[in-house]
């Protein structure tokens, strides 16, 4: 760290932003294999929260690699840096008062531990648990077929490991749930944790 760089204190604090937005900020960290449904569920949750007036944003793995992380590959070192950058961006967005969804494979436990440590109390790990066989069957981008053929090196689940969360805050078993039910499971958790207020019953 350069000794000439000094942290500048913000004029608006998190509590003030929380009061204005009407909900607590947090980071919903969706992790799972490629094709597990992370982005689909994250966006379904985002829609539900947006319609309730929440201030939200989704950081999608592919989308971020079009810009911020376009210089990174998929080897282990690049994956670690990918997650470090996303953790920093997520933390900044959370400090702005948002509920942030991050849909990244983030295959290594150590990286998710570091993300939790950096982001702090607002970190909520969401394990999108889909069997590899089901992900391969879906293969929406044709990536598993290419990985099996050896055309994609360092592919999670095939030639690179995926380390499943041991104790995620939210465990979504997609084989048993529809997208809407999975999204509602996340929203229910946020209500129970008092991150958002429950809907008023008519």
N, C-alpha and C. Protein backbone atom coordinates (compact mmCIF):
# COMPACT_ATOMS: atom_id res chain seq x y z
N UNK A 1 0.85 -1.20 0.00
CA UNK A 1 0.00 0.00 0.00
C UNK A 1 0.88 1.24 0.00
N UNK A 2 0.58 2.17 -0.88
CA UNK A 2 1.32 3.43 -0.96
C UNK A 2 1.00 4.30 0.26
N UNK A 3 2.04 4.74 0.97
CA UNK A 3 1.84 5.54 2.17
C UNK A 3 1.25 6.92 1.88
N UNK A 4 1.29 7.32 0.61
CA UNK A 4 0.75 8.63 0.23
C UNK A 4 -0.76 8.59 -0.05
N UNK A 5 -1.34 7.39 0.01
CA UNK A 5 -2.78 7.25 -0.22
C UNK A 5 -3.51 7.26 1.12
N UNK A 6 -4.44 8.17 1.28
CA UNK A 6 -5.17 8.32 2.54
C UNK A 6 -6.66 8.09 2.30
N UNK A 7 -7.30 7.31 3.19
CA UNK A 7 -8.73 7.05 3.07
C UNK A 7 -9.53 8.32 3.32
N UNK A 8 -10.48 8.61 2.42
CA UNK A 8 -11.31 9.82 2.56
C UNK A 8 -12.67 9.41 3.10
N UNK A 9 -13.06 9.95 4.21
CA UNK A 9 -14.32 9.61 4.87
C UNK A 9 -15.51 10.12 4.08
N UNK A 10 -16.51 9.24 3.91
CA UNK A 10 -17.71 9.62 3.15
C UNK A 10 -18.59 10.58 3.95
N UNK A 11 -19.28 11.46 3.24
CA UNK A 11 -20.18 12.42 3.90
C UNK A 11 -21.51 11.79 4.29
N UNK A 12 -21.91 10.74 3.57
CA UNK A 12 -23.17 10.04 3.85
C UNK A 12 -22.82 8.64 4.35
N UNK A 13 -23.31 8.28 5.53
CA UNK A 13 -22.95 6.97 6.08
C UNK A 13 -23.97 5.89 5.71
N UNK A 14 -23.62 4.66 6.02
CA UNK A 14 -24.45 3.52 5.63
C UNK A 14 -25.82 3.58 6.29
N UNK A 15 -25.87 4.01 7.54
CA UNK A 15 -27.14 4.08 8.25
C UNK A 15 -28.11 5.04 7.56
N UNK A 16 -27.57 6.16 7.06
CA UNK A 16 -28.40 7.13 6.36
C UNK A 16 -28.93 6.55 5.05
N UNK A 17 -28.06 5.83 4.34
CA UNK A 17 -28.51 5.21 3.09
C UNK A 17 -29.55 4.14 3.36
N UNK A 18 -29.35 3.38 4.44
CA UNK A 18 -30.31 2.34 4.80
C UNK A 18 -31.67 2.96 5.10
N UNK A 19 -31.68 4.06 5.82
CA UNK A 19 -32.94 4.73 6.15
C UNK A 19 -33.64 5.24 4.89
N UNK A 20 -32.86 5.76 3.95
CA UNK A 20 -33.45 6.27 2.71
C UNK A 20 -34.00 5.14 1.85
N UNK A 21 -33.27 4.03 1.76
CA UNK A 21 -33.68 2.93 0.90
C UNK A 21 -34.77 2.05 1.51
N UNK A 22 -34.83 2.02 2.83
CA UNK A 22 -35.88 1.22 3.47
C UNK A 22 -35.53 -0.25 3.64
N UNK A 23 -34.26 -0.58 3.48
CA UNK A 23 -33.82 -1.96 3.69
C UNK A 23 -32.33 -1.96 4.01
N UNK A 24 -31.84 -3.06 4.54
CA UNK A 24 -30.42 -3.20 4.82
C UNK A 24 -29.67 -3.58 3.53
N UNK A 25 -28.46 -3.15 3.37
CA UNK A 25 -27.65 -3.60 2.24
C UNK A 25 -27.06 -4.97 2.52
N UNK A 26 -26.79 -5.73 1.49
CA UNK A 26 -26.13 -7.02 1.65
C UNK A 26 -25.60 -7.49 0.30
N UNK A 27 -24.83 -8.56 0.33
CA UNK A 27 -24.34 -9.20 -0.89
C UNK A 27 -24.81 -10.64 -0.90
N UNK A 28 -25.63 -10.98 -1.88
CA UNK A 28 -26.07 -12.35 -2.09
C UNK A 28 -25.07 -13.01 -3.03
N UNK A 29 -24.23 -13.87 -2.47
CA UNK A 29 -23.13 -14.45 -3.24
C UNK A 29 -23.56 -15.83 -3.76
N UNK A 30 -24.07 -15.86 -5.01
CA UNK A 30 -24.53 -17.11 -5.62
C UNK A 30 -23.33 -17.88 -6.15
N UNK A 31 -23.18 -19.12 -5.72
CA UNK A 31 -22.09 -19.96 -6.20
C UNK A 31 -22.64 -21.32 -6.63
N UNK A 32 -22.04 -21.90 -7.66
CA UNK A 32 -22.47 -23.19 -8.17
C UNK A 32 -21.82 -23.45 -9.51
N UNK A 33 -22.01 -24.63 -10.01
CA UNK A 33 -21.41 -25.01 -11.30
C UNK A 33 -21.97 -24.18 -12.46
N UNK A 34 -21.23 -24.17 -13.55
CA UNK A 34 -21.75 -23.57 -14.77
C UNK A 34 -23.02 -24.30 -15.18
N UNK A 35 -24.07 -23.54 -15.48
CA UNK A 35 -25.33 -24.16 -15.86
C UNK A 35 -26.22 -24.53 -14.69
N UNK A 36 -25.80 -24.19 -13.48
CA UNK A 36 -26.59 -24.56 -12.29
C UNK A 36 -27.84 -23.70 -12.14
N UNK A 37 -27.82 -22.51 -12.74
CA UNK A 37 -28.96 -21.62 -12.63
C UNK A 37 -28.69 -20.38 -11.79
N UNK A 38 -27.42 -20.11 -11.50
CA UNK A 38 -27.06 -18.97 -10.65
C UNK A 38 -27.62 -17.65 -11.18
N UNK A 39 -27.31 -17.34 -12.44
CA UNK A 39 -27.72 -16.06 -13.02
C UNK A 39 -29.24 -15.97 -13.14
N UNK A 40 -29.86 -17.08 -13.51
CA UNK A 40 -31.32 -17.09 -13.66
C UNK A 40 -32.00 -16.82 -12.33
N UNK A 41 -31.55 -17.48 -11.28
CA UNK A 41 -32.14 -17.29 -9.95
C UNK A 41 -31.80 -15.90 -9.42
N UNK A 42 -30.56 -15.46 -9.61
CA UNK A 42 -30.16 -14.14 -9.13
C UNK A 42 -31.03 -13.05 -9.76
N UNK A 43 -31.31 -13.18 -11.04
CA UNK A 43 -32.14 -12.18 -11.72
C UNK A 43 -33.61 -12.29 -11.33
N UNK A 44 -34.07 -13.50 -11.04
CA UNK A 44 -35.45 -13.67 -10.57
C UNK A 44 -35.61 -13.02 -9.20
N UNK A 45 -34.62 -13.18 -8.34
CA UNK A 45 -34.64 -12.53 -7.03
C UNK A 45 -34.58 -11.01 -7.21
N UNK A 46 -33.72 -10.57 -8.10
CA UNK A 46 -33.57 -9.14 -8.35
C UNK A 46 -34.89 -8.51 -8.79
N UNK A 47 -35.62 -9.21 -9.64
CA UNK A 47 -36.91 -8.71 -10.10
C UNK A 47 -37.91 -8.60 -8.95
N UNK A 48 -37.96 -9.63 -8.10
CA UNK A 48 -38.87 -9.60 -6.95
C UNK A 48 -38.55 -8.44 -6.01
N UNK A 49 -37.26 -8.25 -5.76
CA UNK A 49 -36.86 -7.18 -4.85
C UNK A 49 -37.10 -5.81 -5.47
N UNK A 50 -36.80 -5.67 -6.75
CA UNK A 50 -37.03 -4.40 -7.45
C UNK A 50 -38.50 -4.02 -7.40
N UNK A 51 -39.37 -5.00 -7.61
CA UNK A 51 -40.81 -4.72 -7.61
C UNK A 51 -41.32 -4.34 -6.22
N UNK A 52 -40.52 -4.64 -5.20
CA UNK A 52 -40.87 -4.23 -3.84
C UNK A 52 -40.20 -2.92 -3.45
N UNK A 53 -39.55 -2.28 -4.42
CA UNK A 53 -38.97 -0.97 -4.17
C UNK A 53 -37.55 -1.01 -3.62
N UNK A 54 -36.92 -2.17 -3.62
CA UNK A 54 -35.55 -2.29 -3.12
C UNK A 54 -34.56 -1.76 -4.14
N UNK A 55 -33.43 -1.30 -3.66
CA UNK A 55 -32.35 -0.82 -4.51
C UNK A 55 -31.37 -1.97 -4.69
N UNK A 56 -31.26 -2.46 -5.92
CA UNK A 56 -30.55 -3.71 -6.17
C UNK A 56 -29.69 -3.63 -7.43
N UNK A 57 -28.80 -4.61 -7.55
CA UNK A 57 -28.05 -4.80 -8.80
C UNK A 57 -27.46 -6.19 -8.81
N UNK A 58 -27.36 -6.79 -10.02
CA UNK A 58 -26.76 -8.11 -10.17
C UNK A 58 -25.45 -7.99 -10.94
N UNK A 59 -24.39 -8.53 -10.36
CA UNK A 59 -23.11 -8.65 -11.05
C UNK A 59 -23.00 -10.07 -11.57
N UNK A 60 -23.04 -10.23 -12.87
CA UNK A 60 -23.00 -11.55 -13.50
C UNK A 60 -21.59 -11.86 -13.98
N UNK A 61 -21.16 -13.11 -13.78
CA UNK A 61 -19.80 -13.50 -14.12
C UNK A 61 -19.41 -13.20 -15.56
N UNK A 62 -20.24 -13.60 -16.50
CA UNK A 62 -19.94 -13.36 -17.92
C UNK A 62 -19.93 -11.87 -18.24
N UNK A 63 -20.91 -11.15 -17.71
CA UNK A 63 -21.00 -9.71 -17.99
C UNK A 63 -19.78 -8.96 -17.49
N UNK A 64 -19.32 -9.31 -16.29
CA UNK A 64 -18.17 -8.62 -15.71
C UNK A 64 -16.90 -8.91 -16.52
N UNK A 65 -16.82 -10.09 -17.10
CA UNK A 65 -15.64 -10.43 -17.91
C UNK A 65 -15.65 -9.71 -19.27
N UNK A 66 -16.75 -9.06 -19.60
CA UNK A 66 -16.78 -8.23 -20.81
C UNK A 66 -16.11 -6.88 -20.56
N UNK A 67 -15.96 -6.50 -19.29
CA UNK A 67 -15.41 -5.19 -18.98
C UNK A 67 -14.32 -5.24 -17.94
N UNK A 68 -14.72 -5.11 -16.69
CA UNK A 68 -13.77 -5.03 -15.57
C UNK A 68 -12.73 -6.14 -15.58
N UNK A 69 -13.14 -7.37 -15.86
CA UNK A 69 -12.23 -8.51 -15.78
C UNK A 69 -11.90 -9.13 -17.14
N UNK A 70 -11.97 -8.32 -18.18
CA UNK A 70 -11.71 -8.85 -19.52
C UNK A 70 -10.26 -9.27 -19.73
N UNK A 71 -9.37 -8.81 -18.84
CA UNK A 71 -7.96 -9.16 -18.96
C UNK A 71 -7.61 -10.48 -18.27
N UNK A 72 -8.59 -11.13 -17.64
CA UNK A 72 -8.32 -12.35 -16.87
C UNK A 72 -8.69 -13.60 -17.65
N UNK A 73 -7.92 -14.66 -17.42
CA UNK A 73 -8.22 -15.96 -18.00
C UNK A 73 -9.02 -16.80 -17.02
N UNK A 74 -8.91 -18.13 -17.16
CA UNK A 74 -9.66 -19.04 -16.30
C UNK A 74 -8.75 -20.00 -15.54
N UNK A 75 -7.45 -19.73 -15.55
CA UNK A 75 -6.55 -20.51 -14.72
C UNK A 75 -6.78 -20.15 -13.25
N UNK A 76 -6.22 -20.92 -12.35
CA UNK A 76 -6.49 -20.73 -10.92
C UNK A 76 -6.12 -19.33 -10.44
N UNK A 77 -4.98 -18.81 -10.88
CA UNK A 77 -4.54 -17.48 -10.45
C UNK A 77 -5.53 -16.41 -10.93
N UNK A 78 -5.98 -16.52 -12.15
CA UNK A 78 -6.95 -15.56 -12.69
C UNK A 78 -8.29 -15.66 -11.98
N UNK A 79 -8.70 -16.86 -11.65
CA UNK A 79 -9.97 -17.04 -10.93
C UNK A 79 -9.92 -16.37 -9.56
N UNK A 80 -8.78 -16.49 -8.88
CA UNK A 80 -8.63 -15.85 -7.57
C UNK A 80 -8.73 -14.34 -7.71
N UNK A 81 -8.07 -13.77 -8.72
CA UNK A 81 -8.11 -12.33 -8.94
C UNK A 81 -9.51 -11.88 -9.36
N UNK A 82 -10.18 -12.70 -10.16
CA UNK A 82 -11.55 -12.41 -10.57
C UNK A 82 -12.44 -12.21 -9.35
N UNK A 83 -12.34 -13.13 -8.40
CA UNK A 83 -13.18 -13.06 -7.21
C UNK A 83 -12.76 -11.91 -6.30
N UNK A 84 -11.47 -11.64 -6.22
CA UNK A 84 -11.01 -10.51 -5.39
C UNK A 84 -11.60 -9.19 -5.90
N UNK A 85 -11.55 -9.00 -7.21
CA UNK A 85 -12.09 -7.76 -7.78
C UNK A 85 -13.60 -7.65 -7.54
N UNK A 86 -14.29 -8.75 -7.76
CA UNK A 86 -15.74 -8.73 -7.56
C UNK A 86 -16.09 -8.46 -6.10
N UNK A 87 -15.29 -9.02 -5.20
CA UNK A 87 -15.52 -8.77 -3.77
C UNK A 87 -15.40 -7.28 -3.46
N UNK A 88 -14.38 -6.66 -4.02
CA UNK A 88 -14.18 -5.22 -3.78
C UNK A 88 -15.32 -4.39 -4.36
N UNK A 89 -15.74 -4.72 -5.58
CA UNK A 89 -16.84 -3.99 -6.21
C UNK A 89 -18.14 -4.20 -5.43
N UNK A 90 -18.38 -5.44 -5.02
CA UNK A 90 -19.60 -5.75 -4.25
C UNK A 90 -19.64 -4.98 -2.95
N UNK A 91 -18.48 -4.89 -2.29
CA UNK A 91 -18.40 -4.15 -1.03
C UNK A 91 -18.74 -2.68 -1.23
N UNK A 92 -18.21 -2.09 -2.31
CA UNK A 92 -18.50 -0.69 -2.60
C UNK A 92 -19.99 -0.48 -2.87
N UNK A 93 -20.59 -1.40 -3.62
CA UNK A 93 -22.02 -1.27 -3.94
C UNK A 93 -22.87 -1.47 -2.68
N UNK A 94 -22.42 -2.37 -1.81
CA UNK A 94 -23.15 -2.57 -0.56
C UNK A 94 -23.05 -1.32 0.31
N UNK A 95 -21.89 -0.68 0.32
CA UNK A 95 -21.73 0.55 1.09
C UNK A 95 -22.60 1.67 0.53
N UNK A 96 -22.95 1.56 -0.76
CA UNK A 96 -23.86 2.53 -1.37
C UNK A 96 -25.32 2.23 -1.01
N UNK A 97 -25.53 1.13 -0.26
CA UNK A 97 -26.87 0.82 0.24
C UNK A 97 -27.64 -0.20 -0.55
N UNK A 98 -26.99 -0.85 -1.54
CA UNK A 98 -27.70 -1.77 -2.42
C UNK A 98 -27.72 -3.20 -1.87
N UNK A 99 -28.70 -3.96 -2.34
CA UNK A 99 -28.69 -5.41 -2.21
C UNK A 99 -28.06 -5.93 -3.51
N UNK A 100 -26.88 -6.49 -3.40
CA UNK A 100 -26.10 -6.88 -4.56
C UNK A 100 -26.15 -8.40 -4.75
N UNK A 101 -26.49 -8.84 -5.94
CA UNK A 101 -26.41 -10.25 -6.28
C UNK A 101 -25.17 -10.49 -7.11
N UNK A 102 -24.35 -11.48 -6.74
CA UNK A 102 -23.17 -11.81 -7.55
C UNK A 102 -23.31 -13.25 -8.01
N UNK A 103 -23.36 -13.45 -9.31
CA UNK A 103 -23.54 -14.80 -9.88
C UNK A 103 -22.23 -15.24 -10.53
N UNK A 104 -21.40 -15.90 -9.74
CA UNK A 104 -20.09 -16.37 -10.19
C UNK A 104 -19.90 -17.81 -9.73
N UNK A 105 -19.24 -18.60 -10.53
CA UNK A 105 -18.95 -19.98 -10.11
C UNK A 105 -18.19 -19.95 -8.79
N UNK A 106 -17.21 -19.07 -8.67
CA UNK A 106 -16.34 -18.96 -7.48
C UNK A 106 -16.09 -20.34 -6.87
N UNK A 107 -15.30 -21.17 -7.55
CA UNK A 107 -15.22 -22.59 -7.21
C UNK A 107 -14.45 -22.94 -5.95
N UNK A 108 -13.62 -22.01 -5.45
CA UNK A 108 -12.75 -22.36 -4.34
C UNK A 108 -13.26 -21.83 -3.00
N UNK A 109 -13.30 -22.70 -2.00
CA UNK A 109 -13.74 -22.29 -0.67
C UNK A 109 -12.90 -21.14 -0.14
N UNK A 110 -11.59 -21.20 -0.34
CA UNK A 110 -10.71 -20.16 0.20
C UNK A 110 -11.05 -18.78 -0.36
N UNK A 111 -11.44 -18.72 -1.63
CA UNK A 111 -11.80 -17.43 -2.23
C UNK A 111 -13.10 -16.89 -1.64
N UNK A 112 -14.05 -17.80 -1.41
CA UNK A 112 -15.32 -17.36 -0.83
C UNK A 112 -15.13 -16.94 0.63
N UNK A 113 -14.21 -17.59 1.32
CA UNK A 113 -13.88 -17.18 2.69
C UNK A 113 -13.28 -15.78 2.68
N UNK A 114 -12.41 -15.52 1.72
CA UNK A 114 -11.81 -14.19 1.61
C UNK A 114 -12.86 -13.14 1.25
N UNK A 115 -13.79 -13.51 0.37
CA UNK A 115 -14.86 -12.59 0.00
C UNK A 115 -15.72 -12.25 1.22
N UNK A 116 -16.03 -13.26 2.01
CA UNK A 116 -16.83 -13.05 3.22
C UNK A 116 -16.09 -12.12 4.19
N UNK A 117 -14.78 -12.36 4.33
CA UNK A 117 -13.97 -11.55 5.25
C UNK A 117 -13.93 -10.09 4.79
N UNK A 118 -13.78 -9.89 3.48
CA UNK A 118 -13.69 -8.53 2.94
C UNK A 118 -15.02 -7.80 3.02
N UNK A 119 -16.09 -8.49 2.66
CA UNK A 119 -17.41 -7.85 2.60
C UNK A 119 -18.00 -7.66 3.99
N UNK A 120 -17.77 -8.62 4.89
CA UNK A 120 -18.23 -8.47 6.26
C UNK A 120 -19.61 -9.06 6.51
N UNK A 121 -20.32 -8.47 7.47
CA UNK A 121 -21.59 -9.05 7.94
C UNK A 121 -22.67 -9.14 6.88
N UNK A 122 -22.57 -8.35 5.83
CA UNK A 122 -23.59 -8.37 4.80
C UNK A 122 -23.45 -9.50 3.81
N UNK A 123 -22.45 -10.36 3.97
CA UNK A 123 -22.19 -11.44 3.02
C UNK A 123 -23.14 -12.61 3.29
N UNK A 124 -23.88 -13.01 2.25
CA UNK A 124 -24.82 -14.13 2.35
C UNK A 124 -24.50 -15.11 1.23
N UNK A 125 -23.99 -16.28 1.59
CA UNK A 125 -23.62 -17.28 0.59
C UNK A 125 -24.85 -18.08 0.16
N UNK A 126 -25.08 -18.13 -1.13
CA UNK A 126 -26.22 -18.86 -1.69
C UNK A 126 -25.67 -19.98 -2.58
N UNK A 127 -25.80 -21.20 -2.11
CA UNK A 127 -25.31 -22.35 -2.87
C UNK A 127 -26.40 -22.85 -3.81
N UNK A 128 -26.18 -22.65 -5.10
CA UNK A 128 -27.12 -23.14 -6.11
C UNK A 128 -26.66 -24.56 -6.46
N UNK A 129 -27.27 -25.50 -5.79
CA UNK A 129 -26.82 -26.89 -5.79
C UNK A 129 -27.52 -27.68 -6.90
N UNK A 130 -26.80 -27.87 -7.99
CA UNK A 130 -27.31 -28.62 -9.13
C UNK A 130 -26.29 -29.70 -9.49
N UNK A 131 -26.71 -30.95 -9.57
CA UNK A 131 -25.76 -32.02 -9.89
C UNK A 131 -25.06 -31.77 -11.23
N UNK A 132 -23.80 -32.20 -11.31
CA UNK A 132 -23.02 -32.03 -12.53
C UNK A 132 -23.74 -32.64 -13.73
N UNK A 133 -24.36 -33.80 -13.53
CA UNK A 133 -25.06 -34.47 -14.63
C UNK A 133 -26.18 -33.60 -15.18
N UNK A 134 -26.87 -32.89 -14.29
CA UNK A 134 -27.96 -32.01 -14.72
C UNK A 134 -27.41 -30.78 -15.44
N UNK A 135 -26.31 -30.24 -14.94
CA UNK A 135 -25.68 -29.09 -15.59
C UNK A 135 -25.21 -29.45 -17.00
N UNK A 136 -24.66 -30.65 -17.13
CA UNK A 136 -24.22 -31.11 -18.45
C UNK A 136 -25.40 -31.32 -19.38
N UNK A 137 -26.48 -31.80 -18.83
CA UNK A 137 -27.68 -32.04 -19.64
C UNK A 137 -28.23 -30.71 -20.17
N UNK A 138 -28.21 -29.69 -19.31
CA UNK A 138 -28.70 -28.37 -19.73
C UNK A 138 -27.72 -27.75 -20.73
N UNK A 139 -26.46 -27.64 -20.31
CA UNK A 139 -25.36 -27.09 -21.12
C UNK A 139 -25.83 -25.95 -22.04
N UNK A 140 -26.40 -24.87 -21.47
CA UNK A 140 -27.02 -23.82 -22.30
C UNK A 140 -26.05 -23.14 -23.26
N UNK A 141 -24.76 -23.11 -22.91
CA UNK A 141 -23.78 -22.43 -23.77
C UNK A 141 -22.91 -23.42 -24.54
N UNK A 142 -23.17 -24.72 -24.38
CA UNK A 142 -22.36 -25.73 -25.06
C UNK A 142 -20.96 -25.86 -24.51
N UNK A 143 -20.75 -25.38 -23.27
CA UNK A 143 -19.40 -25.36 -22.70
C UNK A 143 -18.95 -26.73 -22.23
N UNK A 144 -19.87 -27.50 -21.67
CA UNK A 144 -19.48 -28.83 -21.18
C UNK A 144 -19.04 -29.73 -22.33
N UNK A 145 -19.74 -29.63 -23.44
CA UNK A 145 -19.38 -30.42 -24.61
C UNK A 145 -17.96 -30.07 -25.07
N UNK A 146 -17.66 -28.77 -25.09
CA UNK A 146 -16.32 -28.33 -25.48
C UNK A 146 -15.28 -28.77 -24.46
N UNK A 147 -15.64 -28.68 -23.17
CA UNK A 147 -14.70 -29.07 -22.11
C UNK A 147 -14.39 -30.56 -22.18
N UNK A 148 -15.42 -31.38 -22.44
CA UNK A 148 -15.22 -32.82 -22.55
C UNK A 148 -14.33 -33.17 -23.75
N UNK A 149 -14.41 -32.31 -24.77
CA UNK A 149 -13.59 -32.53 -25.97
C UNK A 149 -12.17 -31.99 -25.81
N UNK A 150 -11.93 -31.35 -24.67
CA UNK A 150 -10.60 -30.80 -24.42
C UNK A 150 -10.37 -29.43 -25.01
N UNK A 151 -11.44 -28.79 -25.49
CA UNK A 151 -11.30 -27.47 -26.12
C UNK A 151 -11.26 -26.33 -25.12
N UNK A 152 -11.73 -26.57 -23.88
CA UNK A 152 -11.72 -25.54 -22.84
C UNK A 152 -10.92 -26.07 -21.65
N UNK A 153 -9.72 -25.55 -21.42
CA UNK A 153 -8.96 -25.98 -20.25
C UNK A 153 -9.48 -25.33 -18.97
N UNK A 154 -9.15 -25.90 -17.83
CA UNK A 154 -9.51 -25.32 -16.52
C UNK A 154 -11.02 -25.12 -16.39
N UNK A 155 -11.80 -26.09 -16.86
CA UNK A 155 -13.25 -25.93 -16.80
C UNK A 155 -13.77 -26.58 -15.52
N UNK A 156 -14.47 -25.79 -14.71
CA UNK A 156 -14.93 -26.25 -13.39
C UNK A 156 -15.87 -27.44 -13.52
N UNK A 157 -15.57 -28.46 -12.74
CA UNK A 157 -16.39 -29.66 -12.74
C UNK A 157 -15.87 -30.74 -13.67
N UNK A 158 -15.03 -30.34 -14.63
CA UNK A 158 -14.47 -31.29 -15.60
C UNK A 158 -12.96 -31.40 -15.40
N UNK A 159 -12.24 -30.33 -15.66
CA UNK A 159 -10.79 -30.35 -15.54
C UNK A 159 -10.27 -29.45 -14.42
N UNK A 160 -11.19 -28.83 -13.69
CA UNK A 160 -10.84 -28.00 -12.54
C UNK A 160 -11.89 -28.25 -11.46
N UNK A 161 -11.49 -28.30 -10.19
CA UNK A 161 -12.43 -28.69 -9.13
C UNK A 161 -13.45 -27.61 -8.77
N UNK A 162 -14.58 -28.06 -8.24
CA UNK A 162 -15.54 -27.16 -7.59
C UNK A 162 -15.68 -27.61 -6.14
N UNK A 163 -15.40 -26.70 -5.23
CA UNK A 163 -15.47 -27.00 -3.80
C UNK A 163 -16.78 -26.45 -3.26
N UNK A 164 -17.72 -27.33 -2.99
CA UNK A 164 -19.05 -26.92 -2.55
C UNK A 164 -19.00 -26.28 -1.17
N UNK A 165 -19.86 -25.30 -0.91
CA UNK A 165 -19.93 -24.68 0.42
C UNK A 165 -20.30 -25.71 1.48
N UNK A 166 -19.72 -25.56 2.65
CA UNK A 166 -20.01 -26.45 3.76
C UNK A 166 -21.24 -26.01 4.55
N UNK A 167 -21.33 -24.68 4.77
CA UNK A 167 -22.45 -24.14 5.57
C UNK A 167 -22.97 -22.84 4.96
N UNK A 168 -23.57 -22.92 3.77
CA UNK A 168 -24.10 -21.70 3.15
C UNK A 168 -25.31 -21.18 3.93
N UNK A 169 -25.51 -19.89 3.89
CA UNK A 169 -26.71 -19.33 4.53
C UNK A 169 -27.98 -19.82 3.83
N UNK A 170 -27.90 -19.95 2.51
CA UNK A 170 -29.05 -20.41 1.72
C UNK A 170 -28.59 -21.55 0.83
N UNK A 171 -29.30 -22.67 0.89
CA UNK A 171 -28.96 -23.85 0.09
C UNK A 171 -30.14 -24.16 -0.83
N UNK A 172 -29.96 -23.88 -2.11
CA UNK A 172 -31.03 -24.08 -3.09
C UNK A 172 -30.77 -25.37 -3.86
N UNK A 173 -31.66 -26.33 -3.72
CA UNK A 173 -31.54 -27.59 -4.45
C UNK A 173 -32.44 -27.50 -5.67
N UNK A 174 -31.84 -27.15 -6.79
CA UNK A 174 -32.63 -26.81 -7.97
C UNK A 174 -33.40 -27.99 -8.55
N UNK A 175 -32.96 -29.21 -8.25
CA UNK A 175 -33.67 -30.38 -8.77
C UNK A 175 -35.06 -30.49 -8.16
N UNK A 176 -35.26 -29.81 -7.03
CA UNK A 176 -36.54 -29.92 -6.31
C UNK A 176 -37.40 -28.67 -6.43
N UNK A 177 -36.87 -27.61 -7.05
CA UNK A 177 -37.56 -26.33 -7.05
C UNK A 177 -37.65 -25.72 -8.44
N UNK A 178 -38.73 -24.98 -8.67
CA UNK A 178 -38.83 -24.15 -9.87
C UNK A 178 -38.01 -22.89 -9.65
N UNK A 179 -37.78 -22.13 -10.71
CA UNK A 179 -37.04 -20.88 -10.57
C UNK A 179 -37.77 -19.93 -9.62
N UNK A 180 -39.07 -19.82 -9.76
CA UNK A 180 -39.83 -18.91 -8.90
C UNK A 180 -39.77 -19.34 -7.43
N UNK A 181 -39.82 -20.64 -7.18
CA UNK A 181 -39.74 -21.13 -5.81
C UNK A 181 -38.35 -20.91 -5.22
N UNK A 182 -37.32 -21.10 -6.05
CA UNK A 182 -35.95 -20.86 -5.61
C UNK A 182 -35.75 -19.38 -5.26
N UNK A 183 -36.28 -18.50 -6.11
CA UNK A 183 -36.17 -17.07 -5.85
C UNK A 183 -36.91 -16.69 -4.58
N UNK A 184 -38.07 -17.29 -4.38
CA UNK A 184 -38.84 -16.99 -3.17
C UNK A 184 -38.13 -17.46 -1.92
N UNK A 185 -37.38 -18.57 -2.02
CA UNK A 185 -36.59 -19.06 -0.89
C UNK A 185 -35.58 -18.00 -0.44
N UNK A 186 -34.95 -17.34 -1.40
CA UNK A 186 -33.99 -16.29 -1.08
C UNK A 186 -34.69 -15.10 -0.44
N UNK A 187 -35.81 -14.69 -1.02
CA UNK A 187 -36.56 -13.55 -0.48
C UNK A 187 -37.05 -13.85 0.94
N UNK A 188 -37.50 -15.08 1.16
CA UNK A 188 -37.96 -15.46 2.51
C UNK A 188 -36.82 -15.34 3.52
N UNK A 189 -35.63 -15.75 3.10
CA UNK A 189 -34.48 -15.65 3.99
C UNK A 189 -34.21 -14.18 4.34
N UNK A 190 -34.27 -13.31 3.34
CA UNK A 190 -34.02 -11.89 3.58
C UNK A 190 -35.06 -11.29 4.52
N UNK A 191 -36.29 -11.75 4.40
CA UNK A 191 -37.33 -11.31 5.32
C UNK A 191 -37.03 -11.80 6.74
N UNK A 192 -36.69 -13.07 6.85
CA UNK A 192 -36.42 -13.66 8.17
C UNK A 192 -35.22 -13.01 8.85
N UNK A 193 -34.24 -12.62 8.05
CA UNK A 193 -33.06 -11.95 8.58
C UNK A 193 -33.30 -10.46 8.79
N UNK A 194 -34.50 -9.99 8.43
CA UNK A 194 -34.88 -8.58 8.54
C UNK A 194 -34.00 -7.66 7.69
N UNK A 195 -33.50 -8.22 6.59
CA UNK A 195 -32.81 -7.39 5.61
C UNK A 195 -33.84 -6.53 4.88
N UNK A 196 -34.97 -7.15 4.57
CA UNK A 196 -36.11 -6.44 3.97
C UNK A 196 -37.33 -6.67 4.83
N UNK A 197 -38.28 -5.78 4.72
CA UNK A 197 -39.51 -5.93 5.49
C UNK A 197 -40.44 -6.90 4.78
N UNK A 198 -41.19 -7.72 5.53
CA UNK A 198 -42.14 -8.63 4.88
C UNK A 198 -43.26 -7.85 4.23
N UNK A 199 -43.85 -8.45 3.20
CA UNK A 199 -44.99 -7.81 2.56
C UNK A 199 -46.15 -7.74 3.52
N UNK A 200 -46.86 -6.61 3.50
CA UNK A 200 -48.03 -6.48 4.36
C UNK A 200 -49.15 -7.36 3.84
N UNK A 201 -49.76 -8.08 4.75
CA UNK A 201 -50.87 -8.96 4.37
C UNK A 201 -52.15 -8.14 4.26
N UNK A 202 -52.86 -8.35 3.15
CA UNK A 202 -54.13 -7.60 2.96
C UNK A 202 -55.25 -8.27 3.72
